[in-house]
Amino acid sequence: MNILFCCAGGGSSSLFCARMVQGINTIEPSLTARMDDIRSFLQDERVSSTDLVFTYGSVDAVRPDTAYDIGTHIDAVLVAPQVRFRTPYLKRYLPNYPTIVQDIPMRLFGMMDPVQG
């Protein structure tokens, strides 16, 4: 499963991803997780042997010109609280793909707790 975490510039979403990867790799031995920025992830043509890939980036990474790449490679787009006003736009860009677009609860994002995440 490939998940994109979006925030204003990619900084807080990268911290959230790092915590999630560390938590999953520590708590759940049957799963493997890694993280990558969205640009590198979309340019990487190798097949991943990782169960979960947490990608991060700016909410501006999802645009009409990137909708196909994101819609065909990303299973879920999770939007940080500071940019949740952009969620309707992201949903509008990805209606023809099975990609879920959803807000991250403010408390969960603020705590950056991988167990609850």
PDB file of N, CA and C in Angstrom:
ATOM      1  N   MET A   1       0.845  -1.166   0.000  1.00  0.00           N
ATOM      2  CA  MET A   1       0.000   0.000   0.000  1.00  0.00           C
ATOM      3  C   MET A   1       0.889   1.228   0.000  1.00  0.00           C
ATOM      4  N   ASN A   2       0.535   2.199  -0.812  1.00  0.00           N
ATOM      5  CA  ASN A   2       1.288   3.442  -0.931  1.00  0.00           C
ATOM      6  C   ASN A   2       0.415   4.586  -0.430  1.00  0.00           C
ATOM      7  N   ILE A   3       0.939   5.341   0.524  1.00  0.00           N
ATOM      8  CA  ILE A   3       0.189   6.411   1.160  1.00  0.00           C
ATOM      9  C   ILE A   3       0.974   7.705   1.025  1.00  0.00           C
ATOM     10  N   LEU A   4       0.283   8.768   0.611  1.00  0.00           N
ATOM     11  CA  LEU A   4       0.884  10.097   0.500  1.00  0.00           C
ATOM     12  C   LEU A   4       0.356  10.968   1.616  1.00  0.00           C
ATOM     13  N   PHE A   5       1.258  11.526   2.420  1.00  0.00           N
ATOM     14  CA  PHE A   5       0.904  12.496   3.448  1.00  0.00           C
ATOM     15  C   PHE A   5       1.232  13.880   2.901  1.00  0.00           C
ATOM     16  N   CYS A   6       0.235  14.750   2.882  1.00  0.00           N
ATOM     17  CA  CYS A   6       0.423  16.107   2.353  1.00  0.00           C
ATOM     18  C   CYS A   6       0.336  17.131   3.468  1.00  0.00           C
ATOM     19  N   CYS A   7       1.236  18.096   3.438  1.00  0.00           N
ATOM     20  CA  CYS A   7       1.155  19.243   4.336  1.00  0.00           C
ATOM     21  C   CYS A   7       1.509  20.481   3.511  1.00  0.00           C
ATOM     22  N   ALA A   8       1.772  21.575   4.156  1.00  0.00           N
ATOM     23  CA  ALA A   8       2.021  22.818   3.432  1.00  0.00           C
ATOM     24  C   ALA A   8       3.301  22.760   2.602  1.00  0.00           C
ATOM     25  N   GLY A   9       4.384  22.239   3.181  1.00  0.00           N
ATOM     26  CA  GLY A   9       5.637  22.218   2.447  1.00  0.00           C
ATOM     27  C   GLY A   9       6.342  20.884   2.431  1.00  0.00           C
ATOM     28  N   GLY A  10       5.876  19.921   3.185  1.00  0.00           N
ATOM     29  CA  GLY A  10       6.497  18.601   3.235  1.00  0.00           C
ATOM     30  C   GLY A  10       7.273  18.341   4.504  1.00  0.00           C
ATOM     31  N   GLY A  11       7.493  19.368   5.324  1.00  0.00           N
ATOM     32  CA  GLY A  11       8.297  19.200   6.531  1.00  0.00           C
ATOM     33  C   GLY A  11       7.605  18.402   7.618  1.00  0.00           C
ATOM     34  N   SER A  12       6.422  18.831   8.024  1.00  0.00           N
ATOM     35  CA  SER A  12       5.735  18.109   9.102  1.00  0.00           C
ATOM     36  C   SER A  12       5.234  16.750   8.634  1.00  0.00           C
ATOM     37  N   SER A  13       4.895  16.639   7.358  1.00  0.00           N
ATOM     38  CA  SER A  13       4.447  15.328   6.862  1.00  0.00           C
ATOM     39  C   SER A  13       5.614  14.340   6.827  1.00  0.00           C
ATOM     40  N   SER A  14       6.839  14.814   6.597  1.00  0.00           N
ATOM     41  CA  SER A  14       7.987  13.901   6.621  1.00  0.00           C
ATOM     42  C   SER A  14       8.245  13.405   8.038  1.00  0.00           C
ATOM     43  N   LEU A  15       8.052  14.262   9.035  1.00  0.00           N
ATOM     44  CA  LEU A  15       8.198  13.829  10.427  1.00  0.00           C
ATOM     45  C   LEU A  15       7.143  12.788  10.783  1.00  0.00           C
ATOM     46  N   PHE A  16       5.909  13.029  10.337  1.00  0.00           N
ATOM     47  CA  PHE A  16       4.820  12.094  10.597  1.00  0.00           C
ATOM     48  C   PHE A  16       5.127  10.741   9.947  1.00  0.00           C
ATOM     49  N   CYS A  17       5.599  10.763   8.701  1.00  0.00           N
ATOM     50  CA  CYS A  17       5.956   9.523   7.993  1.00  0.00           C
ATOM     51  C   CYS A  17       7.065   8.776   8.723  1.00  0.00           C
ATOM     52  N   ALA A  18       8.076   9.497   9.154  1.00  0.00           N
ATOM     53  CA  ALA A  18       9.197   8.862   9.847  1.00  0.00           C
ATOM     54  C   ALA A  18       8.717   8.159  11.110  1.00  0.00           C
ATOM     55  N   ARG A  19       7.836   8.807  11.850  1.00  0.00           N
ATOM     56  CA  ARG A  19       7.290   8.188  13.061  1.00  0.00           C
ATOM     57  C   ARG A  19       6.464   6.953  12.719  1.00  0.00           C
ATOM     58  N   MET A  20       5.663   7.037  11.660  1.00  0.00           N
ATOM     59  CA  MET A  20       4.831   5.904  11.261  1.00  0.00           C
ATOM     60  C   MET A  20       5.708   4.719  10.854  1.00  0.00           C
ATOM     61  N   VAL A  21       6.714   4.968  10.049  1.00  0.00           N
ATOM     62  CA  VAL A  21       7.610   3.895   9.593  1.00  0.00           C
ATOM     63  C   VAL A  21       8.317   3.259  10.781  1.00  0.00           C
ATOM     64  N   GLN A  22       8.851   4.079  11.660  1.00  0.00           N
ATOM     65  CA  GLN A  22       9.546   3.564  12.839  1.00  0.00           C
ATOM     66  C   GLN A  22       8.587   2.736  13.700  1.00  0.00           C
ATOM     67  N   GLY A  23       7.387   3.236  13.907  1.00  0.00           N
ATOM     68  CA  GLY A  23       6.413   2.526  14.725  1.00  0.00           C
ATOM     69  C   GLY A  23       6.012   1.195  14.122  1.00  0.00           C
ATOM     70  N   ILE A  24       5.731   1.171  12.838  1.00  0.00           N
ATOM     71  CA  ILE A  24       5.320  -0.066  12.181  1.00  0.00           C
ATOM     72  C   ILE A  24       6.455  -1.083  12.183  1.00  0.00           C
ATOM     73  N   ASN A  25       7.652  -0.644  11.837  1.00  0.00           N
ATOM     74  CA  ASN A  25       8.785  -1.564  11.796  1.00  0.00           C
ATOM     75  C   ASN A  25       9.151  -2.092  13.189  1.00  0.00           C
ATOM     76  N   THR A  26       8.801  -1.362  14.243  1.00  0.00           N
ATOM     77  CA  THR A  26       9.088  -1.787  15.613  1.00  0.00           C
ATOM     78  C   THR A  26       7.971  -2.656  16.184  1.00  0.00           C
ATOM     79  N   ILE A  27       6.730  -2.243  15.966  1.00  0.00           N
ATOM     80  CA  ILE A  27       5.579  -2.876  16.619  1.00  0.00           C
ATOM     81  C   ILE A  27       5.012  -4.056  15.835  1.00  0.00           C
ATOM     82  N   GLU A  28       5.049  -3.984  14.526  1.00  0.00           N
ATOM     83  CA  GLU A  28       4.389  -4.997  13.697  1.00  0.00           C
ATOM     84  C   GLU A  28       5.425  -5.737  12.852  1.00  0.00           C
ATOM     85  N   PRO A  29       5.978  -6.837  13.362  1.00  0.00           N
ATOM     86  CA  PRO A  29       7.054  -7.541  12.649  1.00  0.00           C
ATOM     87  C   PRO A  29       6.622  -8.189  11.331  1.00  0.00           C
ATOM     88  N   SER A  30       5.331  -8.375  11.137  1.00  0.00           N
ATOM     89  CA  SER A  30       4.881  -9.012   9.905  1.00  0.00           C
ATOM     90  C   SER A  30       4.794  -8.030   8.740  1.00  0.00           C
ATOM     91  N   LEU A  31       4.943  -6.736   9.014  1.00  0.00           N
ATOM     92  CA  LEU A  31       4.894  -5.710   7.965  1.00  0.00           C
ATOM     93  C   LEU A  31       6.237  -5.017   7.842  1.00  0.00           C
ATOM     94  N   THR A  32       6.541  -4.557   6.626  1.00  0.00           N
ATOM     95  CA  THR A  32       7.717  -3.715   6.425  1.00  0.00           C
ATOM     96  C   THR A  32       7.243  -2.376   5.874  1.00  0.00           C
ATOM     97  N   ALA A  33       7.880  -1.324   6.333  1.00  0.00           N
ATOM     98  CA  ALA A  33       7.494   0.017   5.913  1.00  0.00           C
ATOM     99  C   ALA A  33       8.737   0.829   5.601  1.00  0.00           C
ATOM    100  N   ARG A  34       8.594   1.734   4.657  1.00  0.00           N
ATOM    101  CA  ARG A  34       9.663   2.677   4.338  1.00  0.00           C
ATOM    102  C   ARG A  34       9.023   4.003   3.962  1.00  0.00           C
ATOM    103  N   MET A  35       9.833   5.042   3.891  1.00  0.00           N
ATOM    104  CA  MET A  35       9.312   6.353   3.498  1.00  0.00           C
ATOM    105  C   MET A  35      10.140   6.933   2.369  1.00  0.00           C
ATOM    106  N   ASP A  36       9.508   7.835   1.630  1.00  0.00           N
ATOM    107  CA  ASP A  36      10.164   8.477   0.494  1.00  0.00           C
ATOM    108  C   ASP A  36       9.412   9.765   0.189  1.00  0.00           C
ATOM    109  N   ASP A  37      10.090  10.731  -0.375  1.00  0.00           N
ATOM    110  CA  ASP A  37       9.362  11.918  -0.812  1.00  0.00           C
ATOM    111  C   ASP A  37       8.619  11.575  -2.104  1.00  0.00           C
ATOM    112  N   ILE A  38       7.545  12.280  -2.375  1.00  0.00           N
ATOM    113  CA  ILE A  38       6.656  11.918  -3.483  1.00  0.00           C
ATOM    114  C   ILE A  38       7.351  12.006  -4.833  1.00  0.00           C
ATOM    115  N   ARG A  39       8.201  12.980  -5.032  1.00  0.00           N
ATOM    116  CA  ARG A  39       8.886  13.098  -6.333  1.00  0.00           C
ATOM    117  C   ARG A  39       9.785  11.893  -6.599  1.00  0.00           C
ATOM    118  N   SER A  40      10.576  11.520  -5.605  1.00  0.00           N
ATOM    119  CA  SER A  40      11.460  10.363  -5.761  1.00  0.00           C
ATOM    120  C   SER A  40      10.659   9.085  -5.945  1.00  0.00           C
ATOM    121  N   PHE A  41       9.576   8.949  -5.198  1.00  0.00           N
ATOM    122  CA  PHE A  41       8.736   7.755  -5.299  1.00  0.00           C
ATOM    123  C   PHE A  41       8.174   7.604  -6.707  1.00  0.00           C
ATOM    124  N   LEU A  42       7.680   8.683  -7.285  1.00  0.00           N
ATOM    125  CA  LEU A  42       7.085   8.602  -8.620  1.00  0.00           C
ATOM    126  C   LEU A  42       8.132   8.374  -9.709  1.00  0.00           C
ATOM    127  N   GLN A  43       9.370   8.773  -9.468  1.00  0.00           N
ATOM    128  CA  GLN A  43      10.431   8.565 -10.455  1.00  0.00           C
ATOM    129  C   GLN A  43      11.077   7.194 -10.351  1.00  0.00           C
ATOM    130  N   ASP A  44      10.887   6.525  -9.225  1.00  0.00           N
ATOM    131  CA  ASP A  44      11.501   5.224  -8.980  1.00  0.00           C
ATOM    132  C   ASP A  44      10.719   4.144  -9.713  1.00  0.00           C
ATOM    133  N   GLU A  45      11.355   3.450 -10.629  1.00  0.00           N
ATOM    134  CA  GLU A  45      10.674   2.454 -11.445  1.00  0.00           C
ATOM    135  C   GLU A  45      10.822   1.030 -10.925  1.00  0.00           C
ATOM    136  N   ARG A  46      11.560   0.842  -9.856  1.00  0.00           N
ATOM    137  CA  ARG A  46      11.730  -0.518  -9.336  1.00  0.00           C
ATOM    138  C   ARG A  46      10.471  -0.957  -8.596  1.00  0.00           C
ATOM    139  N   VAL A  47      10.256  -2.229  -8.563  1.00  0.00           N
ATOM    140  CA  VAL A  47       9.118  -2.790  -7.849  1.00  0.00           C
ATOM    141  C   VAL A  47       9.487  -2.890  -6.374  1.00  0.00           C
ATOM    142  N   SER A  48       8.649  -2.363  -5.530  1.00  0.00           N
ATOM    143  CA  SER A  48       8.940  -2.346  -4.104  1.00  0.00           C
ATOM    144  C   SER A  48       8.562  -3.674  -3.453  1.00  0.00           C
ATOM    145  N   SER A  49       9.430  -4.146  -2.587  1.00  0.00           N
ATOM    146  CA  SER A  49       9.127  -5.348  -1.818  1.00  0.00           C
ATOM    147  C   SER A  49       8.630  -4.961  -0.426  1.00  0.00           C
ATOM    148  N   THR A  50       8.373  -3.689  -0.218  1.00  0.00           N
ATOM    149  CA  THR A  50       7.903  -3.172   1.056  1.00  0.00           C
ATOM    150  C   THR A  50       6.378  -3.219   1.095  1.00  0.00           C
ATOM    151  N   ASP A  51       5.828  -3.616   2.234  1.00  0.00           N
ATOM    152  CA  ASP A  51       4.376  -3.688   2.380  1.00  0.00           C
ATOM    153  C   ASP A  51       3.722  -2.306   2.348  1.00  0.00           C
ATOM    154  N   LEU A  52       4.318  -1.362   3.069  1.00  0.00           N
ATOM    155  CA  LEU A  52       3.776  -0.011   3.169  1.00  0.00           C
ATOM    156  C   LEU A  52       4.831   1.005   2.783  1.00  0.00           C
ATOM    157  N   VAL A  53       4.477   1.900   1.884  1.00  0.00           N
ATOM    158  CA  VAL A  53       5.373   2.996   1.518  1.00  0.00           C
ATOM    159  C   VAL A  53       4.672   4.287   1.896  1.00  0.00           C
ATOM    160  N   PHE A  54       5.280   5.009   2.819  1.00  0.00           N
ATOM    161  CA  PHE A  54       4.754   6.298   3.242  1.00  0.00           C
ATOM    162  C   PHE A  54       5.510   7.376   2.483  1.00  0.00           C
ATOM    163  N   THR A  55       4.808   8.095   1.650  1.00  0.00           N
ATOM    164  CA  THR A  55       5.422   9.197   0.919  1.00  0.00           C
ATOM    165  C   THR A  55       4.923  10.500   1.529  1.00  0.00           C
ATOM    166  N   TYR A  56       5.685  11.538   1.320  1.00  0.00           N
ATOM    167  CA  TYR A  56       5.320  12.835   1.879  1.00  0.00           C
ATOM    168  C   TYR A  56       5.629  13.920   0.871  1.00  0.00           C
ATOM    169  N   GLY A  57       4.947  15.045   1.042  1.00  0.00           N
ATOM    170  CA  GLY A  57       5.199  16.182   0.174  1.00  0.00           C
ATOM    171  C   GLY A  57       4.202  17.287   0.401  1.00  0.00           C
ATOM    172  N   SER A  58       4.382  18.318  -0.356  1.00  0.00           N
ATOM    173  CA  SER A  58       3.481  19.461  -0.303  1.00  0.00           C
ATOM    174  C   SER A  58       2.139  19.078  -0.898  1.00  0.00           C
ATOM    175  N   VAL A  59       1.103  19.705  -0.399  1.00  0.00           N
ATOM    176  CA  VAL A  59      -0.229  19.488  -0.956  1.00  0.00           C
ATOM    177  C   VAL A  59      -0.260  19.892  -2.431  1.00  0.00           C
ATOM    178  N   ASP A  60       0.665  20.750  -2.833  1.00  0.00           N
ATOM    179  CA  ASP A  60       0.750  21.181  -4.234  1.00  0.00           C
ATOM    180  C   ASP A  60       1.290  20.092  -5.157  1.00  0.00           C
ATOM    181  N   ALA A  61       1.749  18.984  -4.601  1.00  0.00           N
ATOM    182  CA  ALA A  61       2.224  17.871  -5.431  1.00  0.00           C
ATOM    183  C   ALA A  61       1.075  17.220  -6.198  1.00  0.00           C
ATOM    184  N   VAL A  62      -0.140  17.353  -5.678  1.00  0.00           N
ATOM    185  CA  VAL A  62      -1.317  16.795  -6.343  1.00  0.00           C
ATOM    186  C   VAL A  62      -1.955  17.909  -7.168  1.00  0.00           C
ATOM    187  N   ARG A  63      -1.802  17.782  -8.471  1.00  0.00           N
ATOM    188  CA  ARG A  63      -2.304  18.789  -9.423  1.00  0.00           C
ATOM    189  C   ARG A  63      -2.925  18.060 -10.604  1.00  0.00           C
ATOM    190  N   PRO A  64      -3.618  18.775 -11.460  1.00  0.00           N
ATOM    191  CA  PRO A  64      -4.179  18.109 -12.641  1.00  0.00           C
ATOM    192  C   PRO A  64      -3.123  17.390 -13.483  1.00  0.00           C
ATOM    193  N   ASP A  65      -1.915  17.968 -13.584  1.00  0.00           N
ATOM    194  CA  ASP A  65      -0.882  17.346 -14.410  1.00  0.00           C
ATOM    195  C   ASP A  65      -0.184  16.163 -13.727  1.00  0.00           C
ATOM    196  N   THR A  66      -0.391  15.981 -12.415  1.00  0.00           N
ATOM    197  CA  THR A  66       0.195  14.832 -11.720  1.00  0.00           C
ATOM    198  C   THR A  66      -0.877  13.829 -11.283  1.00  0.00           C
ATOM    199  N   ALA A  67      -2.126  14.127 -11.573  1.00  0.00           N
ATOM    200  CA  ALA A  67      -3.234  13.279 -11.106  1.00  0.00           C
ATOM    201  C   ALA A  67      -3.097  11.841 -11.598  1.00  0.00           C
ATOM    202  N   TYR A  68      -2.706  11.635 -12.838  1.00  0.00           N
ATOM    203  CA  TYR A  68      -2.590  10.272 -13.357  1.00  0.00           C
ATOM    204  C   TYR A  68      -1.531   9.490 -12.582  1.00  0.00           C
ATOM    205  N   ASP A  69      -0.349  10.064 -12.418  1.00  0.00           N
ATOM    206  CA  ASP A  69       0.736   9.368 -11.712  1.00  0.00           C
ATOM    207  C   ASP A  69       0.354   9.071 -10.260  1.00  0.00           C
ATOM    208  N   ILE A  70      -0.220  10.043  -9.605  1.00  0.00           N
ATOM    209  CA  ILE A  70      -0.606   9.835  -8.207  1.00  0.00           C
ATOM    210  C   ILE A  70      -1.784   8.870  -8.121  1.00  0.00           C
ATOM    211  N   GLY A  71      -2.757   9.036  -8.974  1.00  0.00           N
ATOM    212  CA  GLY A  71      -3.932   8.174  -8.941  1.00  0.00           C
ATOM    213  C   GLY A  71      -3.643   6.720  -9.257  1.00  0.00           C
ATOM    214  N   THR A  72      -2.619   6.455 -10.047  1.00  0.00           N
ATOM    215  CA  THR A  72      -2.289   5.065 -10.395  1.00  0.00           C
ATOM    216  C   THR A  72      -1.243   4.437  -9.478  1.00  0.00           C
ATOM    217  N   HIS A  73      -0.556   5.243  -8.653  1.00  0.00           N
ATOM    218  CA  HIS A  73       0.497   4.707  -7.787  1.00  0.00           C
ATOM    219  C   HIS A  73       0.212   4.860  -6.289  1.00  0.00           C
ATOM    220  N   ILE A  74      -0.668   5.772  -5.929  1.00  0.00           N
ATOM    221  CA  ILE A  74      -0.930   6.057  -4.518  1.00  0.00           C
ATOM    222  C   ILE A  74      -2.323   5.542  -4.160  1.00  0.00           C
ATOM    223  N   ASP A  75      -2.412   4.795  -3.067  1.00  0.00           N
ATOM    224  CA  ASP A  75      -3.694   4.241  -2.627  1.00  0.00           C
ATOM    225  C   ASP A  75      -4.496   5.215  -1.772  1.00  0.00           C
ATOM    226  N   ALA A  76      -3.799   6.063  -1.005  1.00  0.00           N
ATOM    227  CA  ALA A  76      -4.480   7.014  -0.132  1.00  0.00           C
ATOM    228  C   ALA A  76      -3.672   8.294  -0.032  1.00  0.00           C
ATOM    229  N   VAL A  77      -4.379   9.415  -0.072  1.00  0.00           N
ATOM    230  CA  VAL A  77      -3.778  10.728   0.154  1.00  0.00           C
ATOM    231  C   VAL A  77      -4.352  11.234   1.468  1.00  0.00           C
ATOM    232  N   LEU A  78      -3.487  11.433   2.456  1.00  0.00           N
ATOM    233  CA  LEU A  78      -3.919  11.911   3.760  1.00  0.00           C
ATOM    234  C   LEU A  78      -3.429  13.343   3.930  1.00  0.00           C
ATOM    235  N   VAL A  79      -4.349  14.229   4.286  1.00  0.00           N
ATOM    236  CA  VAL A  79      -4.093  15.663   4.283  1.00  0.00           C
ATOM    237  C   VAL A  79      -3.933  16.173   5.710  1.00  0.00           C
ATOM    238  N   ALA A  80      -2.826  16.871   5.962  1.00  0.00           N
ATOM    239  CA  ALA A  80      -2.534  17.432   7.279  1.00  0.00           C
ATOM    240  C   ALA A  80      -3.526  18.540   7.619  1.00  0.00           C
ATOM    241  N   PRO A  81      -3.764  18.752   8.913  1.00  0.00           N
ATOM    242  CA  PRO A  81      -4.760  19.739   9.341  1.00  0.00           C
ATOM    243  C   PRO A  81      -4.532  21.156   8.820  1.00  0.00           C
ATOM    244  N   GLN A  82      -3.284  21.571   8.683  1.00  0.00           N
ATOM    245  CA  GLN A  82      -3.030  22.952   8.273  1.00  0.00           C
ATOM    246  C   GLN A  82      -3.413  23.235   6.819  1.00  0.00           C
ATOM    247  N   VAL A  83      -3.625  22.183   6.030  1.00  0.00           N
ATOM    248  CA  VAL A  83      -4.022  22.381   4.630  1.00  0.00           C
ATOM    249  C   VAL A  83      -5.312  21.634   4.283  1.00  0.00           C
ATOM    250  N   ARG A  84      -6.099  21.294   5.288  1.00  0.00           N
ATOM    251  CA  ARG A  84      -7.319  20.525   5.016  1.00  0.00           C
ATOM    252  C   ARG A  84      -8.320  21.281   4.164  1.00  0.00           C
ATOM    253  N   PHE A  85      -8.198  22.587   4.082  1.00  0.00           N
ATOM    254  CA  PHE A  85      -9.069  23.357   3.193  1.00  0.00           C
ATOM    255  C   PHE A  85      -8.841  22.994   1.731  1.00  0.00           C
ATOM    256  N   ARG A  86      -7.723  22.341   1.436  1.00  0.00           N
ATOM    257  CA  ARG A  86      -7.411  21.930   0.063  1.00  0.00           C
ATOM    258  C   ARG A  86      -7.969  20.550  -0.296  1.00  0.00           C
ATOM    259  N   THR A  87      -8.507  19.821   0.682  1.00  0.00           N
ATOM    260  CA  THR A  87      -9.020  18.473   0.446  1.00  0.00           C
ATOM    261  C   THR A  87     -10.043  18.418  -0.687  1.00  0.00           C
ATOM    262  N   PRO A  88     -11.017  19.336  -0.765  1.00  0.00           N
ATOM    263  CA  PRO A  88     -11.969  19.265  -1.885  1.00  0.00           C
ATOM    264  C   PRO A  88     -11.299  19.374  -3.256  1.00  0.00           C
ATOM    265  N   TYR A  89     -10.239  20.162  -3.348  1.00  0.00           N
ATOM    266  CA  TYR A  89      -9.516  20.285  -4.615  1.00  0.00           C
ATOM    267  C   TYR A  89      -8.822  18.974  -4.971  1.00  0.00           C
ATOM    268  N   LEU A  90      -8.198  18.342  -3.966  1.00  0.00           N
ATOM    269  CA  LEU A  90      -7.514  17.073  -4.211  1.00  0.00           C
ATOM    270  C   LEU A  90      -8.503  16.007  -4.665  1.00  0.00           C
ATOM    271  N   LYS A  91      -9.671  15.990  -4.042  1.00  0.00           N
ATOM    272  CA  LYS A  91     -10.705  15.027  -4.449  1.00  0.00           C
ATOM    273  C   LYS A  91     -11.163  15.305  -5.881  1.00  0.00           C
ATOM    274  N   ARG A  92     -11.200  16.557  -6.241  1.00  0.00           N
ATOM    275  CA  ARG A  92     -11.613  16.924  -7.599  1.00  0.00           C
ATOM    276  C   ARG A  92     -10.580  16.481  -8.636  1.00  0.00           C
ATOM    277  N   TYR A  93      -9.319  16.436  -8.262  1.00  0.00           N
ATOM    278  CA  TYR A  93      -8.269  16.016  -9.193  1.00  0.00           C
ATOM    279  C   TYR A  93      -8.215  14.494  -9.356  1.00  0.00           C
ATOM    280  N   LEU A  94      -8.715  13.741  -8.376  1.00  0.00           N
ATOM    281  CA  LEU A  94      -8.557  12.288  -8.379  1.00  0.00           C
ATOM    282  C   LEU A  94      -9.872  11.498  -8.424  1.00  0.00           C
ATOM    283  N   PRO A  95     -10.923  12.012  -9.058  1.00  0.00           N
ATOM    284  CA  PRO A  95     -12.201  11.279  -9.006  1.00  0.00           C
ATOM    285  C   PRO A  95     -12.212   9.993  -9.829  1.00  0.00           C
ATOM    286  N   ASN A  96     -11.362   9.876 -10.813  1.00  0.00           N
ATOM    287  CA  ASN A  96     -11.364   8.713 -11.696  1.00  0.00           C
ATOM    288  C   ASN A  96     -10.412   7.604 -11.249  1.00  0.00           C
ATOM    289  N   TYR A  97      -9.885   7.733 -10.050  1.00  0.00           N
ATOM    290  CA  TYR A  97      -8.913   6.765  -9.539  1.00  0.00           C
ATOM    291  C   TYR A  97      -9.415   6.208  -8.208  1.00  0.00           C
ATOM    292  N   PRO A  98      -8.954   5.009  -7.843  1.00  0.00           N
ATOM    293  CA  PRO A  98      -9.408   4.420  -6.569  1.00  0.00           C
ATOM    294  C   PRO A  98      -8.690   4.984  -5.340  1.00  0.00           C
ATOM    295  N   THR A  99      -8.051   6.130  -5.492  1.00  0.00           N
ATOM    296  CA  THR A  99      -7.286   6.755  -4.419  1.00  0.00           C
ATOM    297  C   THR A  99      -8.232   7.402  -3.404  1.00  0.00           C
ATOM    298  N   ILE A 100      -8.038   7.070  -2.141  1.00  0.00           N
ATOM    299  CA  ILE A 100      -8.807   7.678  -1.056  1.00  0.00           C
ATOM    300  C   ILE A 100      -8.145   8.998  -0.694  1.00  0.00           C
ATOM    301  N   VAL A 101      -8.939  10.048  -0.529  1.00  0.00           N
ATOM    302  CA  VAL A 101      -8.432  11.347  -0.085  1.00  0.00           C
ATOM    303  C   VAL A 101      -9.165  11.680   1.210  1.00  0.00           C
ATOM    304  N   GLN A 102      -8.392  11.859   2.282  1.00  0.00           N
ATOM    305  CA  GLN A 102      -9.015  12.063   3.588  1.00  0.00           C
ATOM    306  C   GLN A 102      -8.136  12.951   4.458  1.00  0.00           C
ATOM    307  N   ASP A 103      -8.769  13.712   5.342  1.00  0.00           N
ATOM    308  CA  ASP A 103      -8.050  14.544   6.305  1.00  0.00           C
ATOM    309  C   ASP A 103      -7.499  13.693   7.435  1.00  0.00           C
ATOM    310  N   ILE A 104      -6.333  14.077   7.941  1.00  0.00           N
ATOM    311  CA  ILE A 104      -5.768  13.457   9.133  1.00  0.00           C
ATOM    312  C   ILE A 104      -6.353  14.213  10.324  1.00  0.00           C
ATOM    313  N   PRO A 105      -6.902  13.522  11.305  1.00  0.00           N
ATOM    314  CA  PRO A 105      -7.432  14.223  12.482  1.00  0.00           C
ATOM    315  C   PRO A 105      -6.348  15.090  13.140  1.00  0.00           C
ATOM    316  N   MET A 106      -6.748  16.291  13.538  1.00  0.00           N
ATOM    317  CA  MET A 106      -5.811  17.272  14.076  1.00  0.00           C
ATOM    318  C   MET A 106      -5.038  16.741  15.279  1.00  0.00           C
ATOM    319  N   ARG A 107      -5.722  16.116  16.194  1.00  0.00           N
ATOM    320  CA  ARG A 107      -5.068  15.601  17.404  1.00  0.00           C
ATOM    321  C   ARG A 107      -4.059  14.508  17.063  1.00  0.00           C
ATOM    322  N   LEU A 108      -4.424  13.608  16.167  1.00  0.00           N
ATOM    323  CA  LEU A 108      -3.526  12.530  15.763  1.00  0.00           C
ATOM    324  C   LEU A 108      -2.266  13.085  15.123  1.00  0.00           C
ATOM    325  N   PHE A 109      -2.431  14.067  14.239  1.00  0.00           N
ATOM    326  CA  PHE A 109      -1.279  14.648  13.556  1.00  0.00           C
ATOM    327  C   PHE A 109      -0.389  15.411  14.548  1.00  0.00           C
ATOM    328  N   GLY A 110      -1.011  16.128  15.458  1.00  0.00           N
ATOM    329  CA  GLY A 110      -0.248  16.897  16.441  1.00  0.00           C
ATOM    330  C   GLY A 110       0.547  16.024  17.399  1.00  0.00           C
ATOM    331  N   MET A 111      -0.018  14.873  17.755  1.00  0.00           N
ATOM    332  CA  MET A 111       0.679  13.962  18.672  1.00  0.00           C
ATOM    333  C   MET A 111       1.762  13.160  17.961  1.00  0.00           C
ATOM    334  N   MET A 112       1.614  12.982  16.645  1.00  0.00           N
ATOM    335  CA  MET A 112       2.545  12.187  15.855  1.00  0.00           C
ATOM    336  C   MET A 112       2.800  10.828  16.504  1.00  0.00           C
ATOM    337  N   ASP A 113       1.730  10.187  16.888  1.00  0.00           N
ATOM    338  CA  ASP A 113       1.790   8.903  17.569  1.00  0.00           C
ATOM    339  C   ASP A 113       1.597   7.775  16.557  1.00  0.00           C
ATOM    340  N   PRO A 114       2.624   6.977  16.292  1.00  0.00           N
ATOM    341  CA  PRO A 114       2.505   5.924  15.287  1.00  0.00           C
ATOM    342  C   PRO A 114       1.548   4.802  15.683  1.00  0.00           C
ATOM    343  N   VAL A 115       1.375   4.570  16.963  1.00  0.00           N
ATOM    344  CA  VAL A 115       0.469   3.506  17.387  1.00  0.00           C
ATOM    345  C   VAL A 115      -0.973   3.871  17.054  1.00  0.00           C
ATOM    346  N   GLN A 116      -1.383   5.083  17.369  1.00  0.00           N
ATOM    347  CA  GLN A 116      -2.735   5.525  17.019  1.00  0.00           C
ATOM    348  C   GLN A 116      -2.877   5.745  15.526  1.00  0.00           C
ATOM    349  N   GLY A 117      -1.800   6.175  14.897  1.00  0.00           N
ATOM    350  CA  GLY A 117      -1.839   6.412  13.455  1.00  0.00           C
ATOM    351  C   GLY A 117      -2.053   5.128  12.699  1.00  0.00           C
TER     352      GLY A 117
END
